Amino acid sequence: MRPVRRSELLDLRTYERVRDDVRREVIATKQARRVHVGAHLTFLFENHRTVWYQIQEMLRAERITDEAAIEHELRTYNELLGGPGELGATLLIEIEDPAVRAVKLQAWRDLPSYIYARFEDGRRVRPAFDPRQVGTDRLSSVQYLRFPTGGEVPQALGVAWPGEEQEAALTPAQRAALAADLAAD
């Protein structure tokens, strides 16, 4: 997927004027790319527009105008996009109770290696994940994944964690959104 370029970013003043409209549009874009697996796992497949929005929001929130800092944000957020034939996703581990979350994130340290995308023929692929998001004693509640799909849209996402196996079929709308993203490579 094509990374966001510096020339596509709006200055802070211009972005403020269009922010409400952009936010509504990006929320709809994300909705078509959000997949819930079980009670605690939410996958958000990223695309050019969602990453552009994240960068704009970071520049706005931090009031970043320095070119070196802008370039840093571009590099950081463009990492969320999959490469050719890949789907990039942000995995959110959503557990409200802080005490329960702390225990689960410690117990689930190896969870990323149990995640998969399943295709129509039953084949499964495991994502690459960012090792910086896994500590020596716990998992971060936000994970950045890249599914090597070979340009094929998966049928389902799942986790094969022993005792907590879960799978969610992708809806036709989700599959269409991911197909469009893969076609944009």
C-alpha atoms as a PDB file:
ATOM      1  CA  MET A   1       0.000   0.000   0.000  1.00  0.00           C
ATOM      2  CA  ARG A   2       1.294   3.417  -0.894  1.00  0.00           C
ATOM      3  CA  PRO A   3       2.724   5.245   2.128  1.00  0.00           C
ATOM      4  CA  VAL A   4       1.531   8.704   3.119  1.00  0.00           C
ATOM      5  CA  ARG A   5       3.800  11.391   1.684  1.00  0.00           C
ATOM      6  CA  ARG A   6       4.733  14.714   3.237  1.00  0.00           C
ATOM      7  CA  SER A   7       3.056  16.571   0.357  1.00  0.00           C
ATOM      8  CA  GLU A   8      -0.324  15.033   1.324  1.00  0.00           C
ATOM      9  CA  LEU A   9      -0.357  16.458   4.832  1.00  0.00           C
ATOM     10  CA  LEU A  10      -2.318  19.586   5.626  1.00  0.00           C
ATOM     11  CA  ASP A  11      -0.989  22.429   7.709  1.00  0.00           C
ATOM     12  CA  LEU A  12      -2.549  22.660  11.168  1.00  0.00           C
ATOM     13  CA  ARG A  13      -4.833  25.581  10.334  1.00  0.00           C
ATOM     14  CA  THR A  14      -6.235  23.950   7.193  1.00  0.00           C
ATOM     15  CA  TYR A  15      -6.695  20.638   8.983  1.00  0.00           C
ATOM     16  CA  GLU A  16      -8.666  22.325  11.781  1.00  0.00           C
ATOM     17  CA  ARG A  17     -11.116  23.689   9.196  1.00  0.00           C
ATOM     18  CA  VAL A  18     -11.830  20.291   7.659  1.00  0.00           C
ATOM     19  CA  ARG A  19     -11.297  18.075  10.705  1.00  0.00           C
ATOM     20  CA  ASP A  20     -14.962  17.373  11.540  1.00  0.00           C
ATOM     21  CA  ASP A  21     -15.755  16.260   7.988  1.00  0.00           C
ATOM     22  CA  VAL A  22     -12.561  14.207   7.784  1.00  0.00           C
ATOM     23  CA  ARG A  23     -13.282  12.541  11.115  1.00  0.00           C
ATOM     24  CA  ARG A  24     -16.758  11.417   9.975  1.00  0.00           C
ATOM     25  CA  GLU A  25     -15.332  10.013   6.759  1.00  0.00           C
ATOM     26  CA  VAL A  26     -12.471   8.185   8.496  1.00  0.00           C
ATOM     27  CA  ILE A  27     -14.790   6.704  11.132  1.00  0.00           C
ATOM     28  CA  ALA A  28     -16.807   5.158   8.286  1.00  0.00           C
ATOM     29  CA  THR A  29     -13.584   3.972   6.629  1.00  0.00           C
ATOM     30  CA  LYS A  30     -12.460   2.337   9.867  1.00  0.00           C
ATOM     31  CA  GLN A  31     -15.846   0.755  10.507  1.00  0.00           C
ATOM     32  CA  ALA A  32     -15.539  -1.257   7.305  1.00  0.00           C
ATOM     33  CA  ARG A  33     -12.088  -2.448   8.420  1.00  0.00           C
ATOM     34  CA  ARG A  34     -12.793  -3.287  12.094  1.00  0.00           C
ATOM     35  CA  VAL A  35     -13.094  -6.961  13.043  1.00  0.00           C
ATOM     36  CA  HIS A  36     -13.931  -8.182  16.561  1.00  0.00           C
ATOM     37  CA  VAL A  37     -12.652 -11.604  17.553  1.00  0.00           C
ATOM     38  CA  GLY A  38     -14.053 -12.756  20.854  1.00  0.00           C
ATOM     39  CA  ALA A  39     -14.674 -10.401  23.741  1.00  0.00           C
ATOM     40  CA  HIS A  40     -11.265  -8.732  23.912  1.00  0.00           C
ATOM     41  CA  LEU A  41      -9.619  -8.566  20.484  1.00  0.00           C
ATOM     42  CA  THR A  42     -10.351  -5.878  17.906  1.00  0.00           C
ATOM     43  CA  PHE A  43      -8.432  -5.744  14.652  1.00  0.00           C
ATOM     44  CA  LEU A  44      -8.407  -2.512  12.678  1.00  0.00           C
ATOM     45  CA  PHE A  45      -7.028  -2.946   9.184  1.00  0.00           C
ATOM     46  CA  GLU A  46      -5.138   0.166   8.198  1.00  0.00           C
ATOM     47  CA  ASN A  47      -5.076   1.811   4.812  1.00  0.00           C
ATOM     48  CA  HIS A  48      -3.656   4.989   3.330  1.00  0.00           C
ATOM     49  CA  ARG A  49      -6.543   7.118   4.590  1.00  0.00           C
ATOM     50  CA  THR A  50      -6.561   5.794   8.166  1.00  0.00           C
ATOM     51  CA  VAL A  51      -2.803   6.299   8.465  1.00  0.00           C
ATOM     52  CA  TRP A  52      -3.037   9.794   6.944  1.00  0.00           C
ATOM     53  CA  TYR A  53      -5.666  10.615   9.580  1.00  0.00           C
ATOM     54  CA  GLN A  54      -3.531   9.230  12.425  1.00  0.00           C
ATOM     55  CA  ILE A  55      -0.612  11.387  11.304  1.00  0.00           C
ATOM     56  CA  GLN A  56      -2.789  14.493  11.001  1.00  0.00           C
ATOM     57  CA  GLU A  57      -4.245  13.883  14.451  1.00  0.00           C
ATOM     58  CA  MET A  58      -0.794  13.411  15.992  1.00  0.00           C
ATOM     59  CA  LEU A  59       0.474  16.613  14.373  1.00  0.00           C
ATOM     60  CA  ARG A  60      -2.607  18.416  15.678  1.00  0.00           C
ATOM     61  CA  ALA A  61      -2.495  16.997  19.212  1.00  0.00           C
ATOM     62  CA  GLU A  62       1.222  17.622  19.646  1.00  0.00           C
ATOM     63  CA  ARG A  63       1.210  20.892  17.639  1.00  0.00           C
ATOM     64  CA  ILE A  64       4.060  19.500  15.521  1.00  0.00           C
ATOM     65  CA  THR A  65       5.357  21.848  12.844  1.00  0.00           C
ATOM     66  CA  ASP A  66       9.074  21.003  12.782  1.00  0.00           C
ATOM     67  CA  GLU A  67       9.912  19.207   9.521  1.00  0.00           C
ATOM     68  CA  ALA A  68      12.159  16.612  11.162  1.00  0.00           C
ATOM     69  CA  ALA A  69       9.397  15.758  13.648  1.00  0.00           C
ATOM     70  CA  ILE A  70       6.823  15.533  10.831  1.00  0.00           C
ATOM     71  CA  GLU A  71       9.099  13.157   8.922  1.00  0.00           C
ATOM     72  CA  HIS A  72       9.445  11.056  12.087  1.00  0.00           C
ATOM     73  CA  GLU A  73       5.640  10.777  12.358  1.00  0.00           C
ATOM     74  CA  LEU A  74       5.424   9.796   8.690  1.00  0.00           C
ATOM     75  CA  ARG A  75       7.990   7.027   9.138  1.00  0.00           C
ATOM     76  CA  THR A  76       6.368   5.794  12.350  1.00  0.00           C
ATOM     77  CA  TYR A  77       2.783   5.635  11.091  1.00  0.00           C
ATOM     78  CA  ASN A  78       3.611   4.414   7.592  1.00  0.00           C
ATOM     79  CA  GLU A  79       4.975   1.278   9.305  1.00  0.00           C
ATOM     80  CA  LEU A  80       1.332   0.374  10.028  1.00  0.00           C
ATOM     81  CA  LEU A  81       0.656  -0.184   6.338  1.00  0.00           C
ATOM     82  CA  GLY A  82       1.285  -3.579   4.883  1.00  0.00           C
ATOM     83  CA  GLY A  83       3.765  -3.981   2.064  1.00  0.00           C
ATOM     84  CA  PRO A  84       2.825  -5.398  -1.351  1.00  0.00           C
ATOM     85  CA  GLY A  85       0.403  -8.296  -0.883  1.00  0.00           C
ATOM     86  CA  GLU A  86       0.099  -7.635   2.851  1.00  0.00           C
ATOM     87  CA  LEU A  87      -2.625  -6.279   5.081  1.00  0.00           C
ATOM     88  CA  GLY A  88      -1.487  -4.128   7.986  1.00  0.00           C
ATOM     89  CA  ALA A  89      -3.630  -4.162  11.113  1.00  0.00           C
ATOM     90  CA  THR A  90      -3.637  -2.644  14.547  1.00  0.00           C
ATOM     91  CA  LEU A  91      -4.753  -5.135  17.189  1.00  0.00           C
ATOM     92  CA  LEU A  92      -6.376  -3.631  20.254  1.00  0.00           C
ATOM     93  CA  ILE A  93      -6.626  -5.839  23.315  1.00  0.00           C
ATOM     94  CA  GLU A  94      -9.615  -4.348  25.071  1.00  0.00           C
ATOM     95  CA  ILE A  95     -10.008  -5.279  28.723  1.00  0.00           C
ATOM     96  CA  GLU A  96     -11.598  -2.565  30.850  1.00  0.00           C
ATOM     97  CA  ASP A  97     -10.629  -3.733  34.324  1.00  0.00           C
ATOM     98  CA  PRO A  98      -6.975  -2.668  34.879  1.00  0.00           C
ATOM     99  CA  ALA A  99      -6.254  -5.542  37.254  1.00  0.00           C
ATOM    100  CA  VAL A 100      -7.654  -8.159  34.866  1.00  0.00           C
ATOM    101  CA  ARG A 101      -5.882  -6.469  31.939  1.00  0.00           C
ATOM    102  CA  ALA A 102      -2.511  -6.602  33.749  1.00  0.00           C
ATOM    103  CA  VAL A 103      -2.898 -10.333  34.440  1.00  0.00           C
ATOM    104  CA  LYS A 104      -4.067 -11.131  30.884  1.00  0.00           C
ATOM    105  CA  LEU A 105      -1.304  -9.105  29.198  1.00  0.00           C
ATOM    106  CA  GLN A 106       1.258 -10.982  31.220  1.00  0.00           C
ATOM    107  CA  ALA A 107      -0.338 -14.375  30.513  1.00  0.00           C
ATOM    108  CA  TRP A 108      -0.887 -13.564  26.831  1.00  0.00           C
ATOM    109  CA  ARG A 109       2.685 -12.496  26.113  1.00  0.00           C
ATOM    110  CA  ASP A 110       2.918 -14.996  23.216  1.00  0.00           C
ATOM    111  CA  LEU A 111      -0.570 -14.234  21.867  1.00  0.00           C
ATOM    112  CA  PRO A 112       0.623 -12.661  18.564  1.00  0.00           C
ATOM    113  CA  SER A 113       2.055 -15.995  17.432  1.00  0.00           C
ATOM    114  CA  TYR A 114      -1.398 -17.612  17.842  1.00  0.00           C
ATOM    115  CA  ILE A 115      -3.253 -15.128  15.625  1.00  0.00           C
ATOM    116  CA  TYR A 116      -4.145 -16.091  12.065  1.00  0.00           C
ATOM    117  CA  ALA A 117      -6.049 -15.109   8.949  1.00  0.00           C
ATOM    118  CA  ARG A 118      -7.954 -17.970   7.317  1.00  0.00           C
ATOM    119  CA  PHE A 119      -8.662 -18.195   3.612  1.00  0.00           C
ATOM    120  CA  GLU A 120     -11.507 -19.833   1.740  1.00  0.00           C
ATOM    121  CA  ASP A 121      -9.477 -23.008   1.149  1.00  0.00           C
ATOM    122  CA  GLY A 122      -8.840 -23.361   4.914  1.00  0.00           C
ATOM    123  CA  ARG A 123      -5.227 -22.224   4.697  1.00  0.00           C
ATOM    124  CA  ARG A 124      -4.041 -20.041   7.572  1.00  0.00           C
ATOM    125  CA  VAL A 125      -1.319 -17.403   7.654  1.00  0.00           C
ATOM    126  CA  ARG A 126       0.190 -15.932  10.768  1.00  0.00           C
ATOM    127  CA  PRO A 127       1.031 -12.243  10.888  1.00  0.00           C
ATOM    128  CA  ALA A 128       4.393 -10.688  11.476  1.00  0.00           C
ATOM    129  CA  PHE A 129       4.251  -8.459  14.521  1.00  0.00           C
ATOM    130  CA  ASP A 130       6.347  -5.652  15.895  1.00  0.00           C
ATOM    131  CA  PRO A 131       8.633  -7.169  18.554  1.00  0.00           C
ATOM    132  CA  ARG A 132       8.903  -3.738  20.197  1.00  0.00           C
ATOM    133  CA  GLN A 133       5.311  -4.256  21.396  1.00  0.00           C
ATOM    134  CA  VAL A 134       6.178  -7.357  23.427  1.00  0.00           C
ATOM    135  CA  GLY A 135       8.106  -6.874  26.655  1.00  0.00           C
ATOM    136  CA  THR A 136      10.052  -9.450  28.585  1.00  0.00           C
ATOM    137  CA  ASP A 137       7.179  -9.915  31.025  1.00  0.00           C
ATOM    138  CA  ARG A 138       4.047  -8.645  29.262  1.00  0.00           C
ATOM    139  CA  LEU A 139       2.364  -7.847  25.993  1.00  0.00           C
ATOM    140  CA  SER A 140       1.370  -4.322  24.996  1.00  0.00           C
ATOM    141  CA  SER A 141      -2.395  -3.845  24.663  1.00  0.00           C
ATOM    142  CA  VAL A 142      -1.789  -2.432  21.165  1.00  0.00           C
ATOM    143  CA  GLN A 143      -0.096  -4.639  18.573  1.00  0.00           C
ATOM    144  CA  TYR A 144       0.927  -3.837  15.001  1.00  0.00           C
ATOM    145  CA  LEU A 145       0.507  -6.790  12.660  1.00  0.00           C
ATOM    146  CA  ARG A 146       1.178  -7.519   8.995  1.00  0.00           C
ATOM    147  CA  PHE A 147      -0.677 -10.393   7.394  1.00  0.00           C
ATOM    148  CA  PRO A 148       1.178 -11.829   4.357  1.00  0.00           C
ATOM    149  CA  THR A 149      -1.917 -12.591   2.297  1.00  0.00           C
ATOM    150  CA  GLY A 150      -0.255 -12.670  -1.106  1.00  0.00           C
ATOM    151  CA  GLY A 151      -2.880 -10.174  -2.219  1.00  0.00           C
ATOM    152  CA  GLU A 152      -5.749 -12.513  -1.278  1.00  0.00           C
ATOM    153  CA  VAL A 153      -8.564 -11.379   1.008  1.00  0.00           C
ATOM    154  CA  PRO A 154      -9.038 -13.605   4.059  1.00  0.00           C
ATOM    155  CA  GLN A 155     -12.394 -15.125   4.983  1.00  0.00           C
ATOM    156  CA  ALA A 156     -11.859 -14.943   8.736  1.00  0.00           C
ATOM    157  CA  LEU A 157      -9.546 -13.872  11.532  1.00  0.00           C
ATOM    158  CA  GLY A 158      -8.886 -15.980  14.547  1.00  0.00           C
ATOM    159  CA  VAL A 159      -6.773 -16.798  17.532  1.00  0.00           C
ATOM    160  CA  ALA A 160      -5.733 -20.347  18.368  1.00  0.00           C
ATOM    161  CA  TRP A 161      -4.719 -19.605  21.964  1.00  0.00           C
ATOM    162  CA  PRO A 162      -5.204 -22.850  23.915  1.00  0.00           C
ATOM    163  CA  GLY A 163      -8.493 -22.727  25.759  1.00  0.00           C
ATOM    164  CA  GLU A 164      -9.569 -19.466  24.120  1.00  0.00           C
ATOM    165  CA  GLU A 165      -9.854 -20.401  20.452  1.00  0.00           C
ATOM    166  CA  GLN A 166     -11.994 -17.823  18.658  1.00  0.00           C
ATOM    167  CA  GLU A 167     -12.692 -17.003  15.036  1.00  0.00           C
ATOM    168  CA  ALA A 168     -14.729 -14.291  13.328  1.00  0.00           C
ATOM    169  CA  ALA A 169     -15.841 -14.451   9.709  1.00  0.00           C
ATOM    170  CA  LEU A 170     -15.324 -11.254   7.753  1.00  0.00           C
ATOM    171  CA  THR A 171     -18.503  -9.698   6.420  1.00  0.00           C
ATOM    172  CA  PRO A 172     -18.925  -9.020   2.694  1.00  0.00           C
ATOM    173  CA  ALA A 173     -18.400  -5.289   3.410  1.00  0.00           C
ATOM    174  CA  GLN A 174     -15.173  -5.989   5.299  1.00  0.00           C
ATOM    175  CA  ARG A 175     -13.913  -8.263   2.536  1.00  0.00           C
ATOM    176  CA  ALA A 176     -14.729  -5.621  -0.090  1.00  0.00           C
ATOM    177  CA  ALA A 177     -12.862  -2.944   1.890  1.00  0.00           C
ATOM    178  CA  LEU A 178      -9.798  -5.165   2.241  1.00  0.00           C
ATOM    179  CA  ALA A 179      -9.930  -6.110  -1.445  1.00  0.00           C
ATOM    180  CA  ALA A 180      -9.903  -2.408  -2.312  1.00  0.00           C
ATOM    181  CA  ASP A 181      -6.919  -1.877  -0.015  1.00  0.00           C
ATOM    182  CA  LEU A 182      -4.995  -4.763  -1.569  1.00  0.00           C
ATOM    183  CA  ALA A 183      -5.819  -3.457  -5.063  1.00  0.00           C
ATOM    184  CA  ALA A 184      -4.288  -0.113  -4.077  1.00  0.00           C
ATOM    185  CA  ASP A 185      -0.821  -1.764  -3.772  1.00  0.00           C
END
